[in-house]
Each structure stands twice: as C-alpha cells, then as structure tokens.
C-alpha cells in the first residue's frame, strides 16, 4: 500500500461507524437466539438457505487483499488475472454436482473429517493441522494486516497496531457470540455492500475516462487478453490447469470456505448456493478487474500497482461514496476474518478435542468460543510483524501450488475410486509436504534452482507435476496394500445413478433446477472467455 494518505470526511467516518455498530449488534442478537447445540454454533443448525450460502461464499473469498490485489494485478498485468475468477466458477460447478453430495451424505462437520470417514484418522489429523496453521499464519494474520494497513493509511487517528486491534475485536465479538449463523448473515450484508461499493467505483471511473468505448484505447495489447503465451511470466496458458487445481483446494476442500455448504438445509440448497456463488464471481470482471485498467488510464504513474484501488476510491469518489467504499473494503476484510476464526475453532474442536475427550455439546460451543478468541488475539499480535503482506501473499499462493495438489488428488480420487485406501492417501499428503516445501524453497525463495541450471517452470505448471506425483503415489501404495475385502465406502463415493437422476430429471420449480443453472453458468463463463481470448 505504500505510505500514501487519503482523507475521509466526517460523513464517511459516520458511515463506517454505523456499519461497525450494526454488525456487532447483529452478533449479539444472534447469540441470544442460539440454542446450546454444537451444530447450531458451528454449522448454523444445518439450516442455511441457498442465498445465504452463496453470498457468504462470495464475501469470504473477497478478502481485503483480493479487493486491493485484483485491481493492482489488473493495473500491472491486465485482464489475465480474471483467470483466477472464472476458474473458480468452473470449480464451483464441479463441487456442487460431484463433491458436495458425498460430503452431506457423510454428515461431516469438518472437511478433514471426510478423510477419516473415507480413509483413516491419520489423513484427517494431518490435513486438519495443515489447515489450522494456514488459517493462523495466513488467513487471519494476513487479513488483519491488509485491513490495518488500509485503515492506517486513510486516517490519522489509528496506526497499524491500533487498526489491527479494532478489526480483530469487532470481528471477534460477533463471531464468538453468534458462530456460523452470525457469520453467514453478516457476510451476506457485507457481500451486498461490497458489490454496491465496487459497482459505484466502476461506474464513476468509467464516466471519468469517457465511457466504455474509451476503456481499452491506449491499453497495451497484452493487457487485453485472458490467454497469454507459454513464455509469460505472470500466468502462461500452460499454467491454467494449475489455477484450476488451486481452485479445487480453495473451493472444495478448504474448511475456510466449505463450512457454509456443510451447514446447508439440504443438498439442493447447498448446491444452488455454490452455483450462486459461481455466478457472483463472474461480475468481478467489472467490479475488480476493469477498474484496474481505469486506474491505469487515469493514473499511469502510480508508485506501486497496489495503490490502484485506494487512489480510485479516495481521489475519484465524492464524499459519502468514499465512506461506502471504505465500509465495503472493511466488509471484505472482516468477511475473511470471521470465516477464518470460525473455521479454526470448528477444526480444533471437531477434529482434535471431541474425538479424544468426547465432550458434550455445550462444552464444545464454550471451547469453540475460546479458540475463536485465541485466534483473534494471535492474529492481532502477529499481523503487524508481517513486513510486506502482498509479497507474502504472493509467496503463499505459489507455495500452495507445490503442497496442495497431492491433497486435492486424495480427495477427488477418493470420491470416484472405491478401492483406494488410507495408506495411499496418507503418504500422498505427506509427499506433498516433504517434496513440495523443499521444491518451493529451492525454486521460489532461493536462487538454487536456477543456479543449478534447471529449467524455469512456472509455479502453476509445477502444481500439475505435483498432481501427477500424488496420483502415482496414491494409486501405487493403495494397490500394493489393497485388501481382499473392499472397505465400506458406498455412502462416500459418487454414484452413477445419482448423476443420471440430476442430469435427466427436470426439477420443480424449474427456476431451481440445478442442471439448468449449471448449464447457464457454463454459457456465461464461456462467453467471457471468448470475449477476452
């Protein structure tokens, strides 16, 4: 973000203050309605409708770094960064139709729990611990740092430490009190606020440059296309499958995101909610990507691309709209923050405490609130020590490409190949860590890889290589240790008859037909790809 300062009027501060008070009030209101059940706290009583699921998925994904980073990425690299958005819509279709049914049939509370049901407890604990550490050091601390940096840059009243503390306290209060019920409803309000704020930013910016017909005039040709040559440094076309693999991790096996669908009222509500989130991802082209090009035309000499968003928001927007934009940004940050804290508490209680000590439901809720508070405090203390969040975030994204493909392999293959077993699953996950982390350090952190004269391979391509390694290990070890009697996995794998029923039956009412919505989302996604090819 740099050291730029942007001024807010008292009207803007009032809008932000009203927003803070409203979400805390909602958390208190939800806490008074909660019963003492663990499902009520961690999974909203498994009663969430499709629209809350969809909005919450979208808002949780749109973190502060996304709000700032997508516009900055577009400013620096063009519309190619939208590949991270449309591939998410593609993955959400596959998740809704092929993966979520198995999750809900297993009645799991956490995504790692599925690994124990399908394979064994070793795989569950290994992946759960990895997810908790990622939430602590990246999701929570990263969101707090990005939010604190923005707030400290737009006000002279709060420095980085105090801004982080305020964000942690507010998000922590309503998450501790209301659990997932408070999170999803607050996320829905935040998603709507984010869409309105970003939409206003795009509309006013477009008028400032002379309208749509002027948007691409003078923009370098390579910044107008989604598909770039294999030699491109930012995202070559050969790395698109790697982006899809990262999408599978984020949207189908990451507790941070998937927890909303686990709390669905039923399978159809969960599936439609996931598809709805996919539709919400596509307008990000106008809300997050094209405003970066507008900033490039209006302010071509910014010190850093990360200043694209705050420069548009606080120099172009009128008083009042600035407050709305600021509230939208804080909403995006806090949606990620509340999701991270609630997910961490769910993982600790459901994957480690309950299986070992078998505590009652009231005690689970009590422990969940304590864990949420601990995560809140840890994030607030650790966040200011991050020297450069955006570069750290970039390193984290590349590190995921080395570590998570083998985890994705374990989940996806486990849904479709009944004879694969726990031995293959556990060692495939371990291989991702043992091989992936050193590879990441050798190639992305140090210059050892290039000094050895090894070929330059983009990290998204490396993810495909790690995927094939995971497939070989999982199939190989499972075949070597295969038992004569197949494990009881009938309820946990995808059923052909279930697929036939979904794709050949016209559901009523027709506007809630999952196949039709999936097909429409594919058409919209294809149209965008062709448009910017």
Protein backbone atom coordinates (compact mmCIF):
# COMPACT_ATOMS: atom_id res chain seq x y z
CA UNK A 1 0.00 0.00 0.00
CA UNK A 2 2.92 2.29 0.49
CA UNK A 3 2.79 5.41 2.64
CA UNK A 4 0.07 7.24 0.73
CA UNK A 5 -2.51 9.08 2.82
CA UNK A 6 -6.13 9.59 1.79
CA UNK A 7 -8.61 11.80 3.60
CA UNK A 8 -12.15 10.94 4.71
CA UNK A 9 -14.90 13.43 5.58
CA UNK A 10 -16.87 13.14 8.84
CA UNK A 11 -19.79 11.79 6.80
CA UNK A 12 -17.55 8.95 5.59
CA UNK A 13 -16.46 8.18 9.15
CA UNK A 14 -20.11 8.13 10.23
CA UNK A 15 -20.99 5.54 7.57
CA UNK A 16 -18.11 3.30 8.68
CA UNK A 17 -19.05 3.69 12.37
CA UNK A 18 -22.70 2.82 11.70
CA UNK A 19 -21.51 -0.32 9.89
CA UNK A 20 -19.34 -1.42 12.85
CA UNK A 21 -22.16 -0.88 15.36
CA UNK A 22 -24.67 -2.72 13.17
CA UNK A 23 -22.65 -5.92 12.77
CA UNK A 24 -21.77 -6.10 16.47
CA UNK A 25 -25.46 -5.62 17.28
CA UNK A 26 -26.35 -8.44 14.93
CA UNK A 27 -23.85 -10.76 16.59
CA UNK A 28 -25.42 -10.06 19.98
CA UNK A 29 -28.91 -10.62 18.55
CA UNK A 30 -27.96 -14.00 17.03
CA UNK A 31 -26.24 -15.13 20.24
CA UNK A 32 -29.49 -14.61 22.18
CA UNK A 33 -31.37 -16.87 19.75
CA UNK A 34 -28.82 -19.70 19.70
CA UNK A 35 -29.56 -22.94 21.49
CA UNK A 36 -26.73 -24.83 23.20
CA UNK A 37 -26.18 -27.33 20.37
CA UNK A 38 -22.77 -27.60 18.72
CA UNK A 39 -24.33 -27.88 15.24
CA UNK A 40 -26.21 -24.66 15.93
CA UNK A 41 -22.97 -22.81 16.71
CA UNK A 42 -20.54 -24.38 14.22
CA UNK A 43 -22.92 -25.18 11.31
CA UNK A 44 -25.89 -22.82 11.92
CA UNK A 45 -28.05 -25.84 12.81
CA UNK A 46 -27.60 -27.18 9.26
CA UNK A 47 -30.43 -24.87 8.20
CA UNK A 48 -28.79 -22.40 5.79
CA UNK A 49 -30.73 -21.45 2.60
CA UNK A 50 -29.04 -21.17 -0.79
CA UNK A 51 -28.85 -17.36 -0.92
CA UNK A 52 -27.05 -17.05 2.43
CA UNK A 53 -24.62 -19.78 1.38
CA UNK A 54 -23.89 -18.10 -1.95
CA UNK A 55 -23.39 -14.60 -0.58
CA UNK A 56 -21.26 -15.91 2.29
CA UNK A 57 -19.03 -17.93 -0.05
CA UNK A 58 -18.52 -14.85 -2.22
CA UNK A 59 -17.86 -12.47 0.68
CA UNK A 60 -15.42 -14.83 2.42
CA UNK A 61 -13.44 -15.14 -0.81
CA UNK A 62 -13.30 -11.39 -1.39
CA UNK A 63 -10.71 -10.60 1.27
CA UNK A 64 -9.04 -7.24 1.67
CA UNK A 65 -6.06 -8.49 -0.31
CA UNK A 66 -8.42 -9.55 -3.11
CA UNK A 67 -10.09 -6.15 -3.17
CA UNK A 68 -6.74 -4.38 -3.37
CA UNK A 69 -4.76 -7.14 -5.09
CA UNK A 70 -7.10 -7.84 -8.02
CA UNK A 71 -7.21 -4.18 -9.04
CA UNK A 72 -3.46 -3.91 -8.56
CA UNK A 73 -2.93 -7.10 -10.56
CA UNK A 74 -5.10 -5.79 -13.36
CA UNK A 75 -3.25 -2.46 -13.30
CA UNK A 76 0.08 -4.28 -13.70
CA UNK A 77 -0.86 -7.30 -15.86
CA UNK A 78 -4.27 -6.69 -17.43
CA UNK A 79 -7.37 -8.89 -17.62
CA UNK A 80 -5.31 -12.12 -17.47
CA UNK A 81 -5.80 -12.04 -13.69
CA UNK A 82 -9.51 -12.78 -14.30
CA UNK A 83 -8.47 -16.40 -14.94
CA UNK A 84 -8.46 -16.81 -11.15
CA UNK A 85 -12.15 -15.79 -11.10
CA UNK A 86 -13.74 -17.75 -13.96
CA UNK A 87 -11.88 -20.93 -13.00
CA UNK A 88 -13.44 -20.55 -9.53
CA UNK A 89 -16.90 -20.60 -11.15
CA UNK A 90 -15.91 -23.75 -13.07
CA UNK A 91 -14.73 -25.48 -9.89
CA UNK A 92 -17.91 -24.48 -8.02
CA UNK A 93 -19.99 -26.28 -10.68
CA UNK A 94 -17.98 -29.48 -10.21
CA UNK A 95 -18.10 -29.08 -6.44
CA UNK A 96 -21.87 -28.63 -6.37
CA UNK A 97 -22.68 -31.57 -8.66
CA UNK A 98 -19.97 -34.14 -7.89
CA UNK A 99 -18.41 -33.43 -4.46
CA UNK A 100 -20.95 -31.84 -2.10
CA UNK A 101 -23.37 -34.84 -2.26
CA UNK A 102 -20.72 -37.10 -0.71
CA UNK A 103 -19.93 -34.53 1.99
CA UNK A 104 -23.55 -34.16 3.05
CA UNK A 105 -24.25 -37.91 2.95
CA UNK A 106 -21.34 -38.40 5.35
CA UNK A 107 -22.86 -35.73 7.69
CA UNK A 108 -19.42 -34.32 8.41
CA UNK A 109 -18.76 -31.19 10.46
CA UNK A 110 -15.30 -30.53 9.01
CA UNK A 111 -13.77 -31.28 5.63
CA UNK A 112 -10.84 -33.23 7.18
CA UNK A 113 -13.44 -35.44 8.90
CA UNK A 114 -14.33 -36.77 5.45
CA UNK A 115 -10.79 -38.13 5.16
CA UNK A 116 -11.27 -40.24 8.28
CA UNK A 117 -14.65 -41.50 7.05
CA UNK A 118 -13.19 -42.33 3.64
CA UNK A 119 -9.63 -43.36 4.58
CA UNK A 120 -8.30 -43.21 8.18
CA UNK A 121 -7.65 -40.86 11.09
CA UNK A 122 -4.01 -40.20 10.06
CA UNK A 123 -5.08 -38.38 6.91
CA UNK A 124 -7.71 -36.38 8.82
CA UNK A 125 -5.32 -35.13 11.50
CA UNK A 126 -2.53 -34.30 9.03
CA UNK A 127 -4.75 -32.19 6.79
CA UNK A 128 -6.60 -30.58 9.70
CA UNK A 129 -3.33 -29.45 11.31
CA UNK A 130 -2.12 -28.05 7.98
CA UNK A 131 -5.39 -26.10 7.57
CA UNK A 132 -5.30 -24.69 11.12
CA UNK A 133 -1.73 -23.42 10.66
CA UNK A 134 -2.64 -21.87 7.31
CA UNK A 135 -5.62 -20.11 8.92
CA UNK A 136 -3.47 -18.79 11.79
CA UNK A 137 -0.44 -17.56 9.85
CA UNK A 138 -2.00 -16.58 6.53
CA UNK A 139 -5.77 -16.10 6.55
CA UNK A 140 -6.25 -14.42 9.93
CA UNK A 141 -2.96 -12.54 10.25
CA UNK A 142 -2.94 -11.64 6.55
CA UNK A 143 -6.47 -10.23 6.56
CA UNK A 144 -5.76 -8.23 9.72
CA UNK A 145 -2.52 -6.83 8.29
CA UNK A 146 -4.13 -5.82 4.98
CA UNK A 147 -7.06 -4.21 6.78
CA UNK A 148 -4.88 -2.45 9.31
CA UNK A 149 -2.64 -1.11 6.56
CA UNK A 150 -5.57 0.34 4.61
CA UNK A 151 -7.23 1.88 7.67
CA UNK A 152 -3.98 3.40 8.95
CA UNK A 153 -3.39 4.90 5.50
CA UNK A 154 -6.79 6.63 5.28
CA UNK A 155 -6.93 8.03 8.80
CA UNK A 156 -4.54 9.89 11.03
CA UNK A 157 -6.28 8.63 14.16
CA UNK A 158 -5.16 4.99 14.07
CA UNK A 159 -1.73 3.50 13.47
CA UNK A 160 -1.17 -0.03 12.17
CA UNK A 161 -1.29 -1.70 15.62
CA UNK A 162 -4.49 0.00 16.77
CA UNK A 163 -6.23 -0.51 13.41
CA UNK A 164 -5.45 -4.24 13.57
CA UNK A 165 -6.70 -4.38 17.16
CA UNK A 166 -10.02 -2.70 16.25
CA UNK A 167 -10.62 -5.06 13.31
CA UNK A 168 -9.79 -8.13 15.40
CA UNK A 169 -12.01 -7.01 18.26
CA UNK A 170 -15.08 -6.26 16.14
CA UNK A 171 -14.86 -9.42 14.01
CA UNK A 172 -14.01 -11.48 17.08
CA UNK A 173 -17.02 -10.24 19.08
CA UNK A 174 -19.75 -11.18 16.60
CA UNK A 175 -18.02 -14.43 15.60
CA UNK A 176 -17.53 -15.54 19.23
CA UNK A 177 -21.13 -14.68 20.12
CA UNK A 178 -23.07 -15.89 17.09
CA UNK A 179 -20.95 -18.61 15.45
CA UNK A 180 -21.65 -19.51 11.82
CA UNK A 181 -25.20 -18.11 11.97
CA UNK A 182 -23.82 -14.63 12.66
CA UNK A 183 -21.03 -15.07 10.13
CA UNK A 184 -23.20 -16.02 7.13
CA UNK A 185 -25.82 -13.31 7.65
CA UNK A 186 -23.14 -10.67 8.25
CA UNK A 187 -21.28 -11.96 5.19
CA UNK A 188 -24.45 -11.56 3.12
CA UNK A 189 -24.79 -7.91 4.13
CA UNK A 190 -21.08 -7.42 3.51
CA UNK A 191 -21.28 -9.05 0.06
CA UNK A 192 -24.13 -6.76 -0.98
CA UNK A 193 -22.23 -3.75 0.37
CA UNK A 194 -19.10 -4.85 -1.47
CA UNK A 195 -20.98 -5.24 -4.78
CA UNK A 196 -22.64 -1.81 -4.42
CA UNK A 197 -19.39 -0.09 -3.47
CA UNK A 198 -17.30 -1.70 -6.21
CA UNK A 199 -20.11 -1.09 -8.73
CA UNK A 200 -20.16 2.61 -7.87
CA UNK A 201 -16.38 2.72 -8.24
CA UNK A 202 -16.55 1.15 -11.72
CA UNK A 203 -19.42 3.36 -12.89
CA UNK A 204 -17.91 6.67 -11.76
CA UNK A 205 -14.47 5.66 -13.06
CA UNK A 206 -15.92 4.67 -16.44
CA UNK A 207 -17.63 8.04 -16.78
CA UNK A 208 -14.36 9.76 -15.85
CA UNK A 209 -12.48 8.22 -18.80
CA UNK A 210 -15.26 8.95 -21.31
CA UNK A 211 -17.33 5.76 -21.29
CA UNK A 212 -16.96 2.12 -22.33
CA UNK A 213 -15.71 2.95 -25.82
CA UNK A 214 -12.62 4.60 -24.32
CA UNK A 215 -11.78 1.85 -21.81
CA UNK A 216 -9.36 -0.15 -23.96
CA UNK A 217 -7.99 2.76 -26.00
CA UNK A 218 -4.26 3.08 -25.39
CA UNK A 219 -4.09 -0.06 -23.25
CA UNK A 220 -1.15 -2.36 -24.22
CA UNK A 221 -2.37 -5.29 -26.34
CA UNK A 222 -1.10 -7.98 -23.94
CA UNK A 223 -3.24 -6.49 -21.13
CA UNK A 224 -6.46 -7.05 -23.10
CA UNK A 225 -6.33 -10.86 -23.21
CA UNK A 226 -7.08 -13.74 -20.85
CA UNK A 227 -4.91 -16.29 -22.63
CA UNK A 228 -1.21 -15.42 -22.79
CA UNK A 229 1.79 -17.24 -24.34
CA UNK A 230 3.58 -20.08 -22.54
CA UNK A 231 6.54 -17.72 -22.04
CA UNK A 232 4.53 -15.19 -20.00
CA UNK A 233 5.93 -14.54 -16.52
CA UNK A 234 2.63 -13.79 -14.77
CA UNK A 235 0.28 -16.56 -15.95
CA UNK A 236 1.10 -18.63 -19.07
CA UNK A 237 -1.69 -20.63 -20.70
CA UNK A 238 0.16 -23.81 -19.71
CA UNK A 239 -0.48 -22.91 -16.07
CA UNK A 240 -4.28 -22.64 -16.31
CA UNK A 241 -4.78 -26.21 -15.07
CA UNK A 242 -2.62 -25.31 -12.09
CA UNK A 243 -5.02 -22.44 -11.36
CA UNK A 244 -7.91 -24.94 -11.50
CA UNK A 245 -6.08 -27.20 -9.02
CA UNK A 246 -5.70 -24.28 -6.62
CA UNK A 247 -9.41 -23.61 -7.14
CA UNK A 248 -10.24 -27.21 -6.19
CA UNK A 249 -8.30 -26.77 -2.97
CA UNK A 250 -9.88 -23.44 -2.12
CA UNK A 251 -13.50 -24.15 -3.08
CA UNK A 252 -13.92 -27.87 -2.39
CA UNK A 253 -11.61 -28.97 0.44
CA UNK A 254 -10.80 -25.79 2.39
CA UNK A 255 -12.77 -25.61 5.66
CA UNK A 256 -12.48 -21.82 5.49
CA UNK A 257 -14.92 -21.84 2.55
CA UNK A 258 -16.73 -25.20 2.50
CA UNK A 259 -18.15 -24.84 6.03
CA UNK A 260 -21.06 -22.79 4.66
CA UNK A 261 -22.22 -25.63 2.42
CA UNK A 262 -21.88 -28.15 5.25
CA UNK A 263 -24.46 -26.06 7.11
CA UNK A 264 -26.95 -26.24 4.22
CA UNK A 265 -30.60 -27.04 4.91
CA UNK A 266 -30.38 -29.90 2.39
CA UNK A 267 -28.38 -30.98 -0.65
CA UNK A 268 -30.30 -28.86 -3.14
CA UNK A 269 -29.89 -25.69 -1.05
CA UNK A 270 -26.15 -26.34 -0.75
CA UNK A 271 -25.76 -27.00 -4.48
CA UNK A 272 -27.75 -23.96 -5.58
CA UNK A 273 -25.83 -21.84 -3.06
CA UNK A 274 -22.50 -22.97 -4.54
CA UNK A 275 -23.73 -22.28 -8.09
CA UNK A 276 -25.00 -18.86 -6.99
CA UNK A 277 -21.51 -18.09 -5.67
CA UNK A 278 -20.16 -19.07 -9.10
CA UNK A 279 -22.45 -16.52 -10.75
CA UNK A 280 -21.29 -13.87 -8.26
CA UNK A 281 -17.66 -14.50 -9.25
CA UNK A 282 -18.18 -13.56 -12.91
CA UNK A 283 -19.18 -9.89 -12.33
CA UNK A 284 -15.81 -9.41 -10.63
CA UNK A 285 -14.63 -8.66 -14.14
CA UNK A 286 -16.43 -5.31 -13.78
CA UNK A 287 -16.12 -4.90 -10.02
CA UNK A 288 -12.42 -5.76 -9.54
CA UNK A 289 -10.58 -6.24 -12.86
CA UNK A 290 -11.65 -3.47 -15.25
CA UNK A 291 -11.35 -0.76 -12.55
CA UNK A 292 -7.64 -1.64 -12.56
CA UNK A 293 -7.49 -0.66 -16.24
CA UNK A 294 -9.42 2.53 -15.47
CA UNK A 295 -6.79 3.38 -12.84
CA UNK A 296 -4.07 2.66 -15.42
CA UNK A 297 -5.61 5.21 -17.79
CA UNK A 298 -6.22 7.86 -15.12
CA UNK A 299 -3.09 7.36 -13.01
CA UNK A 300 -0.43 5.68 -15.20
CA UNK A 301 2.48 6.61 -12.92
CA UNK A 302 1.48 5.13 -9.56
CA UNK A 303 4.34 4.24 -7.26
CA UNK A 304 3.02 0.67 -6.93
CA UNK A 305 0.09 -1.17 -8.58
CA UNK A 306 -1.37 -1.79 -5.10
CA UNK A 307 -2.29 1.90 -4.96
CA UNK A 308 -4.78 1.48 -7.83
CA UNK A 309 -7.76 0.81 -5.56
CA UNK A 310 -7.19 3.45 -2.84
CA UNK A 311 -6.31 6.08 -5.47
CA UNK A 312 -9.56 5.48 -7.35
CA UNK A 313 -11.60 5.28 -4.16
CA UNK A 314 -10.28 8.32 -2.32
CA UNK A 315 -9.40 10.71 -5.14
CA UNK A 316 -12.21 10.00 -7.60
CA UNK A 317 -15.16 9.25 -5.33
CA UNK A 318 -17.30 12.02 -3.80
CA UNK A 319 -17.87 12.41 -0.05
CA UNK A 320 -20.22 9.72 1.23
CA UNK A 321 -19.30 7.31 -1.55
CA UNK A 322 -15.79 7.21 -0.04
CA UNK A 323 -17.33 6.05 3.23
CA UNK A 324 -19.33 3.44 1.34
CA UNK A 325 -16.20 2.20 -0.42
CA UNK A 326 -14.30 2.14 2.88
CA UNK A 327 -17.12 0.20 4.53
CA UNK A 328 -17.12 -2.22 1.59
CA UNK A 329 -13.38 -2.77 1.93
CA UNK A 330 -13.68 -3.35 5.67
CA UNK A 331 -16.59 -5.69 4.94
CA UNK A 332 -14.40 -7.70 2.58
CA UNK A 333 -11.63 -7.92 5.15
CA UNK A 334 -13.92 -8.86 8.01
CA UNK A 335 -15.75 -11.50 5.93
CA UNK A 336 -12.45 -13.31 5.50
CA UNK A 337 -11.55 -12.71 9.13
CA UNK A 338 -14.78 -14.05 10.65
CA UNK A 339 -14.69 -17.08 8.34
CA UNK A 340 -11.10 -17.87 9.34
CA UNK A 341 -11.79 -17.61 13.07
CA UNK A 342 -14.97 -19.68 12.93
CA UNK A 343 -13.31 -22.34 10.77
CA UNK A 344 -10.28 -22.61 13.06
CA UNK A 345 -12.49 -23.10 16.13
CA UNK A 346 -14.52 -25.76 14.29
CA UNK A 347 -11.41 -27.68 13.24
CA UNK A 348 -9.81 -27.62 16.71
CA UNK A 349 -12.99 -28.74 18.50
CA UNK A 350 -14.31 -31.25 15.96
CA UNK A 351 -11.05 -32.79 14.73
CA UNK A 352 -8.97 -32.83 17.93
CA UNK A 353 -10.92 -32.14 21.14
CA UNK A 354 -14.18 -34.04 20.61
CA UNK A 355 -12.68 -37.33 19.27
CA UNK A 356 -10.20 -37.52 22.18
CA UNK A 357 -12.26 -36.34 25.18
CA UNK A 358 -15.86 -36.78 23.91
CA UNK A 359 -17.08 -33.50 25.47
CA UNK A 360 -20.78 -32.60 25.46
CA UNK A 361 -22.26 -30.09 23.01
CA UNK A 362 -22.47 -27.18 25.45
CA UNK A 363 -18.79 -27.62 26.28
CA UNK A 364 -17.95 -27.80 22.55
CA UNK A 365 -19.58 -24.39 22.00
CA UNK A 366 -17.71 -22.98 25.03
CA UNK A 367 -14.40 -24.35 23.72
CA UNK A 368 -15.19 -23.04 20.23
CA UNK A 369 -15.62 -19.53 21.60
CA UNK A 370 -12.33 -19.78 23.50
CA UNK A 371 -10.47 -20.95 20.37
CA UNK A 372 -12.02 -18.11 18.34
CA UNK A 373 -10.78 -15.64 20.96
CA UNK A 374 -7.29 -17.18 20.93
CA UNK A 375 -7.14 -16.98 17.12
CA UNK A 376 -8.30 -13.36 17.30
CA UNK A 377 -5.57 -12.42 19.81
CA UNK A 378 -2.87 -14.38 17.96
CA UNK A 379 -3.76 -12.72 14.67
CA UNK A 380 -3.75 -9.24 16.21
CA UNK A 381 -0.32 -9.80 17.79
CA UNK A 382 1.28 -11.49 14.77
CA UNK A 383 -0.23 -9.40 11.94
CA UNK A 384 1.85 -6.19 12.37
CA UNK A 385 5.05 -8.23 12.18
CA UNK A 386 4.35 -9.08 8.53
CA UNK A 387 6.67 -6.74 6.70
CA UNK A 388 5.02 -6.95 3.27
CA UNK A 389 1.65 -8.68 3.09
CA UNK A 390 1.26 -8.56 -0.67
CA UNK A 391 4.62 -10.24 -1.32
CA UNK A 392 3.93 -12.74 1.44
CA UNK A 393 0.52 -13.40 -0.09
CA UNK A 394 2.18 -13.97 -3.45
CA UNK A 395 4.67 -16.41 -1.93
CA UNK A 396 1.82 -18.21 -0.18
CA UNK A 397 -0.08 -18.62 -3.44
CA UNK A 398 2.98 -20.11 -5.12
CA UNK A 399 3.67 -22.36 -2.11
CA UNK A 400 0.13 -23.75 -2.38
CA UNK A 401 0.97 -24.85 -5.92
CA UNK A 402 3.65 -27.15 -4.51
CA UNK A 403 1.77 -28.51 -1.48
CA UNK A 404 -1.97 -28.80 -2.14
CA UNK A 405 -2.15 -30.73 -5.47
CA UNK A 406 -1.49 -34.05 -3.70
CA UNK A 407 -4.23 -33.22 -1.15
CA UNK A 408 -6.64 -32.45 -4.00
CA UNK A 409 -5.73 -35.80 -5.57
CA UNK A 410 -6.55 -37.65 -2.33
CA UNK A 411 -9.98 -36.05 -2.06
CA UNK A 412 -11.06 -36.20 -5.70
CA UNK A 413 -9.84 -39.73 -6.41
CA UNK A 414 -11.36 -40.90 -3.14
CA UNK A 415 -14.77 -39.79 -4.38
CA UNK A 416 -14.58 -41.82 -7.58
CA UNK A 417 -12.29 -44.83 -6.96
CA UNK A 418 -13.67 -47.01 -4.12
CA UNK A 419 -10.63 -49.31 -3.65
CA UNK A 420 -8.12 -46.53 -2.86
CA UNK A 421 -7.14 -46.80 0.82
CA UNK A 422 -5.76 -44.87 3.79
CA UNK A 423 -2.13 -45.87 3.25
CA UNK A 424 -2.06 -44.35 -0.22
CA UNK A 425 -3.94 -41.27 0.98
CA UNK A 426 -1.72 -40.54 3.99
CA UNK A 427 1.57 -40.91 2.14
CA UNK A 428 0.32 -38.87 -0.82
CA UNK A 429 -0.44 -35.99 1.59
CA UNK A 430 2.94 -36.42 3.29
CA UNK A 431 4.68 -36.45 -0.10
CA UNK A 432 3.09 -33.09 -0.92
CA UNK A 433 4.70 -31.65 2.20
CA UNK A 434 8.05 -33.48 2.07
CA UNK A 435 8.62 -32.84 -1.65
CA UNK A 436 6.61 -29.66 -2.15
CA UNK A 437 8.07 -27.46 0.59
CA UNK A 438 11.76 -28.07 -0.34
CA UNK A 439 10.93 -27.58 -4.03
CA UNK A 440 9.18 -24.30 -3.21
CA UNK A 441 12.21 -23.09 -1.20
CA UNK A 442 14.73 -24.15 -3.87
CA UNK A 443 12.83 -22.58 -6.74
CA UNK A 444 10.72 -19.68 -5.44
CA UNK A 445 12.53 -18.47 -2.29
CA UNK A 446 16.20 -19.02 -3.20
CA UNK A 447 18.12 -18.98 -6.48
CA UNK A 448 19.47 -22.52 -6.05
CA UNK A 449 17.15 -23.94 -8.74
CA UNK A 450 18.32 -21.50 -11.41
CA UNK A 451 21.97 -21.72 -10.26
CA UNK A 452 21.87 -25.46 -10.91
CA UNK A 453 20.82 -24.74 -14.49
CA UNK A 454 17.42 -26.41 -14.07
CA UNK A 455 14.65 -25.36 -16.50
CA UNK A 456 12.48 -22.41 -15.50
CA UNK A 457 9.00 -23.75 -14.76
CA UNK A 458 6.11 -21.52 -13.70
CA UNK A 459 4.69 -22.45 -10.30
CA UNK A 460 1.24 -23.12 -11.79
CA UNK A 461 2.87 -25.72 -14.08
CA UNK A 462 4.70 -27.20 -11.08
CA UNK A 463 1.30 -27.81 -9.49
CA UNK A 464 0.38 -30.13 -12.38
CA UNK A 465 3.66 -32.01 -11.89
CA UNK A 466 2.90 -32.40 -8.16
CA UNK A 467 -0.57 -33.64 -9.08
CA UNK A 468 0.85 -36.49 -11.20
CA UNK A 469 3.27 -37.38 -8.38
CA UNK A 470 0.32 -37.57 -5.99
CA UNK A 471 -1.69 -39.75 -8.39
CA UNK A 472 1.23 -42.17 -8.79
CA UNK A 473 1.79 -42.47 -5.02
CA UNK A 474 -1.91 -42.83 -4.16
CA UNK A 475 -2.61 -45.49 -6.79
CA UNK A 476 0.71 -47.27 -6.27
CA UNK A 477 0.60 -47.64 -2.48
CA UNK A 478 -3.14 -48.35 -2.44
CA UNK A 479 -2.62 -51.16 -4.98
CA UNK A 480 0.32 -52.59 -3.02
CA UNK A 481 -1.65 -52.64 0.25
CA UNK A 482 -5.05 -53.48 -1.19
CA UNK A 483 -7.11 -55.81 0.98
CA UNK A 484 -9.18 -58.69 -0.44
CA UNK A 485 -12.33 -57.19 1.08
CA UNK A 486 -13.19 -53.68 -0.10
CA UNK A 487 -13.70 -51.02 2.54
CA UNK A 488 -17.24 -49.82 3.21
CA UNK A 489 -17.22 -46.66 1.12
CA UNK A 490 -20.63 -46.96 -0.53
CA UNK A 491 -22.04 -43.80 1.05
CA UNK A 492 -18.88 -41.76 0.45
CA UNK A 493 -18.25 -42.16 -3.29
CA UNK A 494 -20.10 -40.64 -6.23
CA UNK A 495 -22.95 -42.73 -7.56
CA UNK A 496 -23.70 -43.10 -11.26
CA UNK A 497 -27.43 -43.32 -10.60
CA UNK A 498 -27.29 -40.05 -8.67
CA UNK A 499 -25.62 -38.35 -11.62
CA UNK A 500 -28.20 -39.78 -14.00
CA UNK A 501 -31.05 -38.52 -11.84
CA UNK A 502 -29.63 -34.96 -11.64
CA UNK A 503 -28.86 -34.66 -15.35
CA UNK A 504 -32.00 -36.32 -16.74
CA UNK A 505 -34.72 -35.11 -14.36
CA UNK A 506 -36.37 -31.71 -14.78
CA UNK A 507 -36.72 -30.31 -11.28
CA UNK A 508 -39.62 -28.23 -10.00
CA UNK A 509 -39.82 -25.33 -9.72
CA UNK A 510 -37.80 -25.01 -12.89
CA UNK A 511 -36.01 -21.87 -11.69
CA UNK A 512 -34.29 -24.04 -9.04
CA UNK A 513 -33.19 -26.78 -11.43
CA UNK A 514 -29.51 -27.47 -10.66
CA UNK A 515 -28.66 -28.75 -14.13
CA UNK A 516 -30.11 -25.68 -15.85
CA UNK A 517 -28.25 -23.31 -13.52
CA UNK A 518 -25.02 -25.23 -14.10
CA UNK A 519 -25.52 -25.05 -17.86
CA UNK A 520 -26.28 -21.32 -17.73
CA UNK A 521 -23.16 -20.69 -15.65
CA UNK A 522 -21.06 -22.62 -18.20
CA UNK A 523 -22.55 -20.49 -21.03
CA UNK A 524 -21.78 -17.23 -19.19
CA UNK A 525 -18.28 -18.42 -18.35
CA UNK A 526 -17.61 -19.47 -21.94
CA UNK A 527 -18.89 -16.12 -23.23
CA UNK A 528 -16.43 -14.20 -21.05
CA UNK A 529 -13.53 -16.42 -22.13
CA UNK A 530 -14.34 -15.93 -25.84
CA UNK A 531 -14.81 -12.18 -25.32
CA UNK A 532 -11.32 -11.67 -23.89
CA UNK A 533 -9.48 -14.56 -25.54
